[in-house]
């Protein structure tokens, strides 16, 4: 891995059921070029914030996580750190190929060809949810945040969940970690 590092906003090591099917190891990257009004994690925008972790250490932590069915990565903007995420997922999928991967990005899939190292990350993604979050288009449906965002099933791994992921009821979880509470999941439409 040559000492690849990732800048992260947060991780949910014990898993969540609010960010895709099954129990999911959740990773929120740090740094985002978008400034979507109503962003659920505006604290993750700054490039110089968060915590820096070694890819090997994070891979070992994911592989040691009992009972997880997949990994969900959001941000921040994951494709800002595409090469390091590709190194992470290469290691994890090499040891636990049954884990499926969901990635959220503010980039439209058509623009990813312009993003440095995006081609390295895409082969490890089973479901890509693309497009910027648009607060006025939050219809409260499915795993996407707003109706302009599209679900791209890059492999067949998550196709059995397609209807739920596209149109199902959203889930949110309240967690208590490090002495603070946080909501995990795709926020419901606020009227």
N, C-alpha and C. Protein backbone atom coordinates (compact mmCIF):
# COMPACT_ATOMS: atom_id res chain seq x y z
N UNK A 1 0.82 -1.20 0.00
CA UNK A 1 0.00 0.00 0.00
C UNK A 1 0.86 1.26 0.00
N UNK A 2 2.12 1.13 0.28
CA UNK A 2 3.04 2.26 0.27
C UNK A 2 2.62 3.38 1.21
N UNK A 3 2.07 3.03 2.35
CA UNK A 3 1.73 4.04 3.35
C UNK A 3 0.60 4.96 2.96
N UNK A 4 -0.37 4.50 2.19
CA UNK A 4 -1.51 5.32 1.80
C UNK A 4 -2.27 5.77 3.04
N UNK A 5 -2.70 7.01 3.01
CA UNK A 5 -3.41 7.60 4.13
C UNK A 5 -4.77 8.12 3.66
N UNK A 6 -5.71 8.19 4.59
CA UNK A 6 -7.03 8.75 4.33
C UNK A 6 -7.35 9.80 5.38
N UNK A 7 -7.95 10.88 4.94
CA UNK A 7 -8.45 11.89 5.86
C UNK A 7 -9.95 11.64 6.04
N UNK A 8 -10.34 11.33 7.27
CA UNK A 8 -11.73 10.95 7.55
C UNK A 8 -12.41 11.92 8.48
N UNK A 9 -13.68 12.13 8.25
CA UNK A 9 -14.51 12.90 9.17
C UNK A 9 -14.95 12.00 10.32
N UNK A 10 -15.34 10.75 9.97
CA UNK A 10 -15.81 9.83 11.01
C UNK A 10 -15.91 8.42 10.43
N UNK A 11 -16.01 7.44 11.31
CA UNK A 11 -16.31 6.07 10.95
C UNK A 11 -17.32 5.53 11.95
N UNK A 12 -18.07 4.55 11.53
CA UNK A 12 -19.01 3.87 12.42
C UNK A 12 -18.61 2.41 12.42
N UNK A 13 -17.73 2.07 13.35
CA UNK A 13 -17.10 0.76 13.41
C UNK A 13 -18.07 -0.36 13.75
N UNK A 14 -19.05 -0.10 14.58
CA UNK A 14 -19.99 -1.15 14.98
C UNK A 14 -21.11 -1.33 13.97
N UNK A 15 -21.15 -0.46 12.97
CA UNK A 15 -22.09 -0.62 11.88
C UNK A 15 -23.39 0.15 12.05
N UNK A 16 -24.07 0.29 10.92
CA UNK A 16 -25.36 0.94 10.86
C UNK A 16 -26.24 0.18 9.88
N UNK A 17 -27.53 0.27 10.08
CA UNK A 17 -28.49 -0.32 9.15
C UNK A 17 -29.23 0.78 8.38
N UNK A 18 -28.81 2.03 8.56
CA UNK A 18 -29.49 3.17 7.94
C UNK A 18 -28.87 3.60 6.62
N UNK A 19 -27.76 2.99 6.22
CA UNK A 19 -27.06 3.44 5.01
C UNK A 19 -26.90 2.33 3.97
N UNK A 20 -27.93 1.51 3.87
CA UNK A 20 -27.92 0.42 2.90
C UNK A 20 -28.35 -0.87 3.54
N UNK A 21 -28.49 -1.93 2.73
CA UNK A 21 -28.98 -3.20 3.27
C UNK A 21 -27.98 -3.88 4.19
N UNK A 22 -28.51 -4.48 5.24
CA UNK A 22 -27.66 -5.20 6.19
C UNK A 22 -26.93 -4.27 7.13
N UNK A 23 -26.00 -4.85 7.86
CA UNK A 23 -25.17 -4.08 8.79
C UNK A 23 -23.96 -3.57 8.02
N UNK A 24 -23.73 -2.26 8.07
CA UNK A 24 -22.72 -1.64 7.22
C UNK A 24 -21.69 -0.87 8.03
N UNK A 25 -20.43 -1.10 7.71
CA UNK A 25 -19.33 -0.29 8.24
C UNK A 25 -19.41 1.03 7.48
N UNK A 26 -19.54 2.14 8.18
CA UNK A 26 -19.72 3.43 7.52
C UNK A 26 -18.47 4.29 7.65
N UNK A 27 -18.11 4.92 6.54
CA UNK A 27 -16.94 5.79 6.48
C UNK A 27 -17.38 7.13 5.89
N UNK A 28 -17.06 8.22 6.59
CA UNK A 28 -17.29 9.56 6.08
C UNK A 28 -15.93 10.20 5.84
N UNK A 29 -15.65 10.51 4.57
CA UNK A 29 -14.36 11.12 4.24
C UNK A 29 -14.38 12.61 4.60
N UNK A 30 -13.20 13.18 4.70
CA UNK A 30 -13.04 14.60 5.00
C UNK A 30 -12.63 15.33 3.73
N UNK A 31 -13.22 16.49 3.48
CA UNK A 31 -12.88 17.31 2.33
C UNK A 31 -13.91 17.17 1.23
N UNK A 32 -14.47 18.31 0.81
CA UNK A 32 -15.49 18.29 -0.24
C UNK A 32 -15.45 19.60 -1.02
N UNK A 33 -15.42 19.52 -2.36
CA UNK A 33 -15.41 20.74 -3.16
C UNK A 33 -16.81 21.34 -3.35
N UNK A 34 -17.84 20.62 -2.94
CA UNK A 34 -19.21 21.10 -3.09
C UNK A 34 -19.65 21.80 -1.81
N UNK A 35 -20.58 22.68 -1.92
CA UNK A 35 -21.15 23.36 -0.74
C UNK A 35 -22.67 23.29 -0.86
N UNK A 36 -23.18 22.08 -0.84
CA UNK A 36 -24.61 21.87 -1.04
C UNK A 36 -25.40 22.43 0.14
N UNK A 37 -26.31 23.38 -0.10
CA UNK A 37 -27.16 23.87 0.99
C UNK A 37 -27.95 22.71 1.60
N UNK A 38 -27.98 22.65 2.92
CA UNK A 38 -28.68 21.58 3.61
C UNK A 38 -27.88 20.31 3.78
N UNK A 39 -26.59 20.35 3.43
CA UNK A 39 -25.71 19.18 3.57
C UNK A 39 -25.84 18.63 4.99
N UNK A 40 -25.93 17.31 5.09
CA UNK A 40 -26.10 16.67 6.40
C UNK A 40 -24.79 16.66 7.21
N UNK A 41 -23.64 16.79 6.53
CA UNK A 41 -22.36 16.81 7.23
C UNK A 41 -21.49 17.98 6.76
N UNK A 42 -21.92 19.21 6.97
CA UNK A 42 -21.12 20.35 6.52
C UNK A 42 -19.75 20.42 7.20
N UNK A 43 -19.63 19.80 8.35
CA UNK A 43 -18.34 19.78 9.07
C UNK A 43 -17.29 18.99 8.31
N UNK A 44 -17.71 18.18 7.36
CA UNK A 44 -16.76 17.35 6.61
C UNK A 44 -16.22 18.04 5.36
N UNK A 45 -16.61 19.27 5.11
CA UNK A 45 -16.18 19.99 3.90
C UNK A 45 -14.71 20.39 3.93
N UNK A 46 -14.23 20.88 5.05
CA UNK A 46 -12.86 21.40 5.13
C UNK A 46 -11.85 20.31 4.82
N UNK A 47 -10.91 20.62 3.97
CA UNK A 47 -9.88 19.65 3.59
C UNK A 47 -8.93 19.38 4.76
N UNK A 48 -8.71 20.38 5.59
CA UNK A 48 -7.73 20.25 6.68
C UNK A 48 -8.33 19.78 8.00
N UNK A 49 -9.57 19.35 8.00
CA UNK A 49 -10.19 18.86 9.23
C UNK A 49 -10.08 17.35 9.34
N UNK A 50 -10.81 16.79 10.28
CA UNK A 50 -10.88 15.34 10.40
C UNK A 50 -9.66 14.70 11.02
N UNK A 51 -9.57 13.40 10.81
CA UNK A 51 -8.47 12.60 11.36
C UNK A 51 -7.80 11.85 10.22
N UNK A 52 -6.50 11.76 10.28
CA UNK A 52 -5.75 11.05 9.24
C UNK A 52 -5.48 9.64 9.73
N UNK A 53 -5.83 8.65 8.90
CA UNK A 53 -5.65 7.25 9.27
C UNK A 53 -4.87 6.53 8.18
N UNK A 54 -4.12 5.52 8.58
CA UNK A 54 -3.39 4.68 7.66
C UNK A 54 -4.37 3.69 7.03
N UNK A 55 -4.30 3.55 5.71
CA UNK A 55 -5.20 2.65 4.98
C UNK A 55 -5.09 1.22 5.51
N UNK A 56 -3.88 0.77 5.80
CA UNK A 56 -3.68 -0.60 6.32
C UNK A 56 -4.41 -0.79 7.65
N UNK A 57 -4.32 0.22 8.53
CA UNK A 57 -4.99 0.13 9.83
C UNK A 57 -6.51 0.10 9.67
N UNK A 58 -7.03 0.94 8.78
CA UNK A 58 -8.47 0.97 8.56
C UNK A 58 -8.94 -0.34 7.92
N UNK A 59 -8.18 -0.86 6.97
CA UNK A 59 -8.53 -2.15 6.35
C UNK A 59 -8.58 -3.26 7.40
N UNK A 60 -7.60 -3.28 8.30
CA UNK A 60 -7.58 -4.29 9.36
C UNK A 60 -8.80 -4.16 10.26
N UNK A 61 -9.19 -2.93 10.56
CA UNK A 61 -10.36 -2.70 11.40
C UNK A 61 -11.64 -3.18 10.72
N UNK A 62 -11.76 -2.91 9.43
CA UNK A 62 -12.94 -3.37 8.69
C UNK A 62 -12.98 -4.90 8.64
N UNK A 63 -11.84 -5.52 8.37
CA UNK A 63 -11.80 -6.98 8.27
C UNK A 63 -12.08 -7.65 9.62
N UNK A 64 -11.80 -6.95 10.71
CA UNK A 64 -12.05 -7.50 12.03
C UNK A 64 -13.49 -7.26 12.50
N UNK A 65 -14.24 -6.43 11.78
CA UNK A 65 -15.61 -6.10 12.19
C UNK A 65 -16.51 -7.31 11.98
N UNK A 66 -17.09 -7.80 13.06
CA UNK A 66 -17.96 -8.97 13.00
C UNK A 66 -19.34 -8.60 12.48
N UNK A 67 -19.88 -9.45 11.63
CA UNK A 67 -21.27 -9.34 11.23
C UNK A 67 -21.60 -8.28 10.19
N UNK A 68 -20.62 -7.57 9.66
CA UNK A 68 -20.97 -6.56 8.67
C UNK A 68 -21.21 -7.21 7.30
N UNK A 69 -22.16 -6.62 6.58
CA UNK A 69 -22.52 -7.11 5.25
C UNK A 69 -21.93 -6.26 4.14
N UNK A 70 -21.55 -5.04 4.49
CA UNK A 70 -21.04 -4.14 3.47
C UNK A 70 -20.42 -2.89 4.07
N UNK A 71 -20.01 -2.01 3.17
CA UNK A 71 -19.36 -0.76 3.54
C UNK A 71 -20.09 0.36 2.80
N UNK A 72 -20.38 1.45 3.49
CA UNK A 72 -20.94 2.63 2.85
C UNK A 72 -19.98 3.78 3.07
N UNK A 73 -19.64 4.47 1.98
CA UNK A 73 -18.69 5.58 2.04
C UNK A 73 -19.37 6.83 1.52
N UNK A 74 -19.34 7.87 2.34
CA UNK A 74 -19.85 9.17 1.91
C UNK A 74 -18.88 10.22 2.41
N UNK A 75 -19.34 11.41 2.61
CA UNK A 75 -18.37 12.43 3.00
C UNK A 75 -19.00 13.60 3.68
N UNK A 76 -18.20 14.59 3.40
CA UNK A 76 -17.17 14.92 2.43
C UNK A 76 -17.48 14.37 1.04
N UNK A 77 -16.42 14.32 0.26
CA UNK A 77 -16.51 13.79 -1.09
C UNK A 77 -15.49 12.68 -1.27
N UNK A 78 -15.95 11.42 -1.33
CA UNK A 78 -15.02 10.30 -1.44
C UNK A 78 -14.05 10.38 -2.61
N UNK A 79 -14.49 10.90 -3.76
CA UNK A 79 -13.61 10.88 -4.93
C UNK A 79 -12.46 11.89 -4.82
N UNK A 80 -12.47 12.74 -3.82
CA UNK A 80 -11.32 13.61 -3.56
C UNK A 80 -10.12 12.75 -3.13
N UNK A 81 -10.40 11.60 -2.55
CA UNK A 81 -9.37 10.68 -2.06
C UNK A 81 -9.49 9.32 -2.76
N UNK A 82 -9.78 9.35 -4.04
CA UNK A 82 -10.08 8.12 -4.79
C UNK A 82 -8.95 7.10 -4.72
N UNK A 83 -7.71 7.51 -4.88
CA UNK A 83 -6.59 6.55 -4.90
C UNK A 83 -6.46 5.85 -3.55
N UNK A 84 -6.57 6.58 -2.46
CA UNK A 84 -6.45 5.97 -1.14
C UNK A 84 -7.64 5.06 -0.84
N UNK A 85 -8.83 5.46 -1.26
CA UNK A 85 -10.00 4.59 -1.07
C UNK A 85 -9.89 3.33 -1.92
N UNK A 86 -9.34 3.46 -3.12
CA UNK A 86 -9.12 2.28 -3.97
C UNK A 86 -8.14 1.32 -3.29
N UNK A 87 -7.09 1.86 -2.69
CA UNK A 87 -6.13 1.02 -1.97
C UNK A 87 -6.81 0.31 -0.80
N UNK A 88 -7.65 1.04 -0.08
CA UNK A 88 -8.38 0.45 1.05
C UNK A 88 -9.29 -0.68 0.58
N UNK A 89 -10.11 -0.41 -0.43
CA UNK A 89 -11.08 -1.41 -0.87
C UNK A 89 -10.40 -2.59 -1.56
N UNK A 90 -9.29 -2.36 -2.21
CA UNK A 90 -8.53 -3.47 -2.80
C UNK A 90 -8.11 -4.44 -1.72
N UNK A 91 -7.61 -3.91 -0.63
CA UNK A 91 -7.17 -4.74 0.49
C UNK A 91 -8.36 -5.47 1.12
N UNK A 92 -9.42 -4.74 1.40
CA UNK A 92 -10.59 -5.33 2.07
C UNK A 92 -11.27 -6.37 1.18
N UNK A 93 -11.50 -6.04 -0.09
CA UNK A 93 -12.19 -6.97 -0.98
C UNK A 93 -11.32 -8.20 -1.27
N UNK A 94 -10.00 -8.03 -1.19
CA UNK A 94 -9.11 -9.17 -1.36
C UNK A 94 -9.28 -10.19 -0.25
N UNK A 95 -9.62 -9.73 0.94
CA UNK A 95 -9.78 -10.61 2.10
C UNK A 95 -11.25 -10.98 2.36
N UNK A 96 -12.16 -10.06 2.06
CA UNK A 96 -13.59 -10.29 2.30
C UNK A 96 -14.39 -9.88 1.07
N UNK A 97 -14.28 -10.66 -0.01
CA UNK A 97 -14.92 -10.27 -1.28
C UNK A 97 -16.44 -10.22 -1.22
N UNK A 98 -17.03 -10.83 -0.22
CA UNK A 98 -18.49 -10.83 -0.11
C UNK A 98 -19.04 -9.48 0.36
N UNK A 99 -18.20 -8.60 0.88
CA UNK A 99 -18.67 -7.29 1.32
C UNK A 99 -19.02 -6.44 0.10
N UNK A 100 -20.22 -5.86 0.12
CA UNK A 100 -20.59 -4.96 -0.98
C UNK A 100 -20.29 -3.53 -0.57
N UNK A 101 -20.15 -2.66 -1.56
CA UNK A 101 -19.72 -1.28 -1.31
C UNK A 101 -20.67 -0.30 -1.97
N UNK A 102 -21.15 0.65 -1.17
CA UNK A 102 -21.97 1.77 -1.64
C UNK A 102 -21.15 3.04 -1.46
N UNK A 103 -21.10 3.88 -2.49
CA UNK A 103 -20.39 5.15 -2.40
C UNK A 103 -21.32 6.27 -2.87
N UNK A 104 -21.38 7.33 -2.08
CA UNK A 104 -22.10 8.55 -2.44
C UNK A 104 -21.09 9.54 -3.01
N UNK A 105 -21.44 10.23 -4.08
CA UNK A 105 -20.59 11.28 -4.63
C UNK A 105 -21.43 12.44 -5.13
N UNK A 106 -20.90 13.64 -4.99
CA UNK A 106 -21.55 14.81 -5.54
C UNK A 106 -21.30 14.97 -7.03
N UNK A 107 -20.33 14.23 -7.57
CA UNK A 107 -20.05 14.27 -9.00
C UNK A 107 -21.08 13.43 -9.75
N UNK A 108 -21.52 13.92 -10.90
CA UNK A 108 -22.31 13.07 -11.80
C UNK A 108 -21.37 12.01 -12.35
N UNK A 109 -21.87 10.81 -12.57
CA UNK A 109 -21.03 9.72 -13.05
C UNK A 109 -20.32 10.10 -14.35
N UNK A 110 -20.97 10.90 -15.17
CA UNK A 110 -20.37 11.32 -16.44
C UNK A 110 -19.13 12.20 -16.23
N UNK A 111 -19.04 12.87 -15.10
CA UNK A 111 -17.90 13.75 -14.80
C UNK A 111 -16.74 13.02 -14.14
N UNK A 112 -16.95 11.81 -13.70
CA UNK A 112 -15.89 11.10 -12.98
C UNK A 112 -14.68 10.82 -13.86
N UNK A 113 -14.85 10.78 -15.16
CA UNK A 113 -13.71 10.59 -16.06
C UNK A 113 -12.71 11.75 -15.93
N UNK A 114 -13.19 12.91 -15.47
CA UNK A 114 -12.35 14.09 -15.29
C UNK A 114 -11.69 14.14 -13.90
N UNK A 115 -12.11 13.27 -13.00
CA UNK A 115 -11.64 13.29 -11.62
C UNK A 115 -10.42 12.39 -11.48
N UNK A 116 -9.35 12.95 -10.95
CA UNK A 116 -8.10 12.22 -10.80
C UNK A 116 -8.29 10.94 -9.98
N UNK A 117 -7.83 9.83 -10.51
CA UNK A 117 -7.84 8.51 -9.87
C UNK A 117 -9.22 7.88 -9.70
N UNK A 118 -10.26 8.49 -10.26
CA UNK A 118 -11.60 7.91 -10.13
C UNK A 118 -11.66 6.52 -10.73
N UNK A 119 -10.97 6.31 -11.83
CA UNK A 119 -10.98 5.01 -12.50
C UNK A 119 -10.39 3.91 -11.62
N UNK A 120 -9.55 4.27 -10.67
CA UNK A 120 -8.99 3.29 -9.73
C UNK A 120 -10.03 2.82 -8.72
N UNK A 121 -10.93 3.72 -8.33
CA UNK A 121 -11.92 3.42 -7.29
C UNK A 121 -13.16 2.72 -7.84
N UNK A 122 -13.61 3.10 -9.01
CA UNK A 122 -14.87 2.59 -9.55
C UNK A 122 -14.99 1.06 -9.57
N UNK A 123 -13.95 0.29 -9.89
CA UNK A 123 -14.11 -1.17 -9.93
C UNK A 123 -14.47 -1.82 -8.59
N UNK A 124 -14.29 -1.11 -7.50
CA UNK A 124 -14.59 -1.67 -6.17
C UNK A 124 -15.98 -1.30 -5.67
N UNK A 125 -16.71 -0.52 -6.45
CA UNK A 125 -18.01 -0.01 -6.03
C UNK A 125 -19.12 -0.85 -6.64
N UNK A 126 -20.05 -1.30 -5.80
CA UNK A 126 -21.22 -2.05 -6.27
C UNK A 126 -22.38 -1.11 -6.60
N UNK A 127 -22.56 -0.07 -5.79
CA UNK A 127 -23.62 0.91 -6.02
C UNK A 127 -23.04 2.30 -5.84
N UNK A 128 -23.15 3.11 -6.87
CA UNK A 128 -22.71 4.50 -6.84
C UNK A 128 -23.94 5.38 -6.85
N UNK A 129 -24.05 6.26 -5.89
CA UNK A 129 -25.15 7.23 -5.84
C UNK A 129 -24.54 8.58 -6.17
N UNK A 130 -24.94 9.15 -7.32
CA UNK A 130 -24.25 10.34 -7.82
C UNK A 130 -25.12 11.58 -7.80
N UNK A 131 -24.44 12.72 -7.90
CA UNK A 131 -25.09 14.02 -8.00
C UNK A 131 -25.08 14.78 -6.70
N UNK A 132 -25.07 16.10 -6.81
CA UNK A 132 -25.07 16.93 -5.61
C UNK A 132 -26.41 16.85 -4.88
N UNK A 133 -26.39 17.06 -3.59
CA UNK A 133 -27.62 17.11 -2.82
C UNK A 133 -28.31 18.44 -3.11
N UNK A 134 -29.61 18.38 -3.45
CA UNK A 134 -30.41 19.58 -3.68
C UNK A 134 -31.55 19.55 -2.68
N UNK A 135 -31.47 20.42 -1.70
CA UNK A 135 -32.42 20.41 -0.58
C UNK A 135 -33.87 20.48 -1.03
N UNK A 136 -34.18 21.28 -2.03
CA UNK A 136 -35.57 21.42 -2.50
C UNK A 136 -36.08 20.18 -3.22
N UNK A 137 -35.16 19.25 -3.56
CA UNK A 137 -35.56 18.01 -4.24
C UNK A 137 -35.53 16.79 -3.31
N UNK A 138 -35.45 17.03 -2.02
CA UNK A 138 -35.49 15.94 -1.05
C UNK A 138 -36.93 15.44 -0.95
N UNK A 139 -37.20 14.31 -1.59
CA UNK A 139 -38.56 13.77 -1.60
C UNK A 139 -38.78 12.69 -0.54
N UNK A 140 -37.76 12.44 0.27
CA UNK A 140 -37.91 11.48 1.36
C UNK A 140 -37.90 10.03 0.94
N UNK A 141 -37.51 9.74 -0.30
CA UNK A 141 -37.55 8.36 -0.79
C UNK A 141 -36.17 7.76 -0.97
N UNK A 142 -36.06 6.51 -0.64
CA UNK A 142 -34.87 5.73 -0.95
C UNK A 142 -33.61 6.18 -0.24
N UNK A 143 -32.50 5.65 -0.72
CA UNK A 143 -31.22 5.91 -0.08
C UNK A 143 -30.60 7.22 -0.54
N UNK A 144 -31.05 7.76 -1.67
CA UNK A 144 -30.50 9.02 -2.14
C UNK A 144 -31.05 10.18 -1.31
N UNK A 145 -30.32 11.29 -1.29
CA UNK A 145 -30.76 12.44 -0.50
C UNK A 145 -31.78 13.32 -1.20
N UNK A 146 -31.68 13.41 -2.53
CA UNK A 146 -32.61 14.23 -3.31
C UNK A 146 -32.89 13.54 -4.64
N UNK A 147 -34.02 13.87 -5.24
CA UNK A 147 -34.50 13.13 -6.41
C UNK A 147 -33.61 13.29 -7.65
N UNK A 148 -32.74 14.28 -7.70
CA UNK A 148 -31.80 14.42 -8.82
C UNK A 148 -30.68 13.39 -8.76
N UNK A 149 -30.43 12.83 -7.60
CA UNK A 149 -29.36 11.85 -7.45
C UNK A 149 -29.80 10.52 -8.04
N UNK A 150 -28.84 9.84 -8.70
CA UNK A 150 -29.15 8.59 -9.40
C UNK A 150 -28.40 7.43 -8.77
N UNK A 151 -29.04 6.28 -8.79
CA UNK A 151 -28.42 5.05 -8.30
C UNK A 151 -27.90 4.26 -9.49
N UNK A 152 -26.60 4.02 -9.50
CA UNK A 152 -25.95 3.27 -10.57
C UNK A 152 -25.48 1.93 -9.99
N UNK A 153 -26.12 0.86 -10.39
CA UNK A 153 -25.74 -0.48 -9.94
C UNK A 153 -24.59 -0.94 -10.83
N UNK A 154 -23.37 -0.78 -10.34
CA UNK A 154 -22.18 -1.09 -11.14
C UNK A 154 -21.88 -2.59 -11.17
N UNK A 155 -22.45 -3.33 -10.22
CA UNK A 155 -22.41 -4.79 -10.21
C UNK A 155 -23.81 -5.27 -9.86
N UNK A 156 -24.01 -6.56 -9.85
CA UNK A 156 -25.32 -7.11 -9.51
C UNK A 156 -25.48 -7.37 -8.01
N UNK A 157 -24.47 -7.08 -7.21
CA UNK A 157 -24.48 -7.43 -5.79
C UNK A 157 -25.68 -6.86 -5.03
N UNK A 158 -26.11 -5.66 -5.36
CA UNK A 158 -27.20 -5.02 -4.61
C UNK A 158 -28.50 -4.94 -5.40
N UNK A 159 -28.53 -5.55 -6.57
CA UNK A 159 -29.77 -5.53 -7.38
C UNK A 159 -30.98 -6.12 -6.66
N UNK A 160 -30.82 -7.15 -5.82
CA UNK A 160 -32.01 -7.65 -5.11
C UNK A 160 -32.68 -6.60 -4.21
N UNK A 161 -31.96 -5.54 -3.89
CA UNK A 161 -32.48 -4.49 -3.00
C UNK A 161 -32.90 -3.24 -3.78
N UNK A 162 -32.92 -3.32 -5.09
CA UNK A 162 -33.13 -2.14 -5.94
C UNK A 162 -34.37 -1.33 -5.55
N UNK A 163 -35.51 -1.98 -5.45
CA UNK A 163 -36.75 -1.26 -5.14
C UNK A 163 -36.64 -0.52 -3.81
N UNK A 164 -36.13 -1.19 -2.80
CA UNK A 164 -35.97 -0.56 -1.49
C UNK A 164 -34.99 0.61 -1.56
N UNK A 165 -33.87 0.42 -2.24
CA UNK A 165 -32.86 1.48 -2.33
C UNK A 165 -33.35 2.68 -3.13
N UNK A 166 -34.18 2.45 -4.13
CA UNK A 166 -34.67 3.55 -4.95
C UNK A 166 -35.90 4.23 -4.37
N UNK A 167 -36.82 3.46 -3.78
CA UNK A 167 -38.11 4.04 -3.39
C UNK A 167 -38.55 3.73 -1.97
N UNK A 168 -37.75 3.00 -1.22
CA UNK A 168 -38.15 2.57 0.11
C UNK A 168 -38.14 3.68 1.15
N UNK A 169 -38.64 3.31 2.29
CA UNK A 169 -38.68 4.23 3.42
C UNK A 169 -37.26 4.40 3.98
N UNK A 170 -36.90 5.61 4.26
CA UNK A 170 -35.58 5.89 4.83
C UNK A 170 -35.54 5.54 6.31
N UNK A 171 -34.33 5.23 6.76
CA UNK A 171 -34.10 4.95 8.17
C UNK A 171 -33.07 5.94 8.70
N UNK A 172 -33.23 6.32 9.93
CA UNK A 172 -32.20 7.09 10.62
C UNK A 172 -31.98 6.44 11.97
N UNK A 173 -30.77 6.55 12.47
CA UNK A 173 -30.42 5.99 13.77
C UNK A 173 -29.79 7.09 14.62
N UNK A 174 -30.13 7.10 15.86
CA UNK A 174 -29.52 8.01 16.82
C UNK A 174 -28.41 7.24 17.53
N UNK A 175 -27.21 7.77 17.48
CA UNK A 175 -26.07 7.10 18.13
C UNK A 175 -25.48 8.01 19.19
N UNK A 176 -24.82 7.38 20.14
CA UNK A 176 -24.11 8.11 21.19
C UNK A 176 -22.68 7.61 21.19
N UNK A 177 -21.77 8.48 20.78
CA UNK A 177 -20.35 8.12 20.73
C UNK A 177 -19.52 9.30 21.18
N UNK A 178 -18.45 8.99 21.84
CA UNK A 178 -17.51 10.02 22.31
C UNK A 178 -18.22 11.14 23.06
N UNK A 179 -19.20 10.78 23.84
CA UNK A 179 -19.90 11.75 24.66
C UNK A 179 -20.86 12.66 23.93
N UNK A 180 -21.20 12.34 22.69
CA UNK A 180 -22.12 13.18 21.92
C UNK A 180 -23.11 12.31 21.17
N UNK A 181 -24.23 12.89 20.81
CA UNK A 181 -25.21 12.17 20.01
C UNK A 181 -25.08 12.59 18.55
N UNK A 182 -25.45 11.70 17.66
CA UNK A 182 -25.42 11.99 16.23
C UNK A 182 -26.52 11.19 15.55
N UNK A 183 -27.01 11.72 14.45
CA UNK A 183 -28.00 11.03 13.64
C UNK A 183 -27.29 10.46 12.43
N UNK A 184 -27.50 9.18 12.16
CA UNK A 184 -26.90 8.50 11.01
C UNK A 184 -28.02 8.10 10.07
N UNK A 185 -27.82 8.35 8.79
CA UNK A 185 -28.80 7.98 7.78
C UNK A 185 -29.10 9.13 6.85
N UNK A 186 -30.03 8.90 5.96
CA UNK A 186 -30.45 9.93 5.01
C UNK A 186 -31.64 10.65 5.65
N UNK A 187 -31.50 11.95 5.93
CA UNK A 187 -32.57 12.67 6.62
C UNK A 187 -33.88 12.64 5.84
N UNK A 188 -34.95 12.55 6.58
CA UNK A 188 -36.28 12.59 5.99
C UNK A 188 -36.56 13.98 5.47
N UNK A 189 -37.49 14.08 4.56
CA UNK A 189 -37.89 15.39 4.04
C UNK A 189 -38.47 16.22 5.17
N UNK A 190 -38.00 17.45 5.25
CA UNK A 190 -38.51 18.38 6.27
C UNK A 190 -39.42 19.37 5.59
N UNK A 191 -40.66 19.45 6.07
CA UNK A 191 -41.65 20.36 5.46
C UNK A 191 -41.62 21.69 6.14
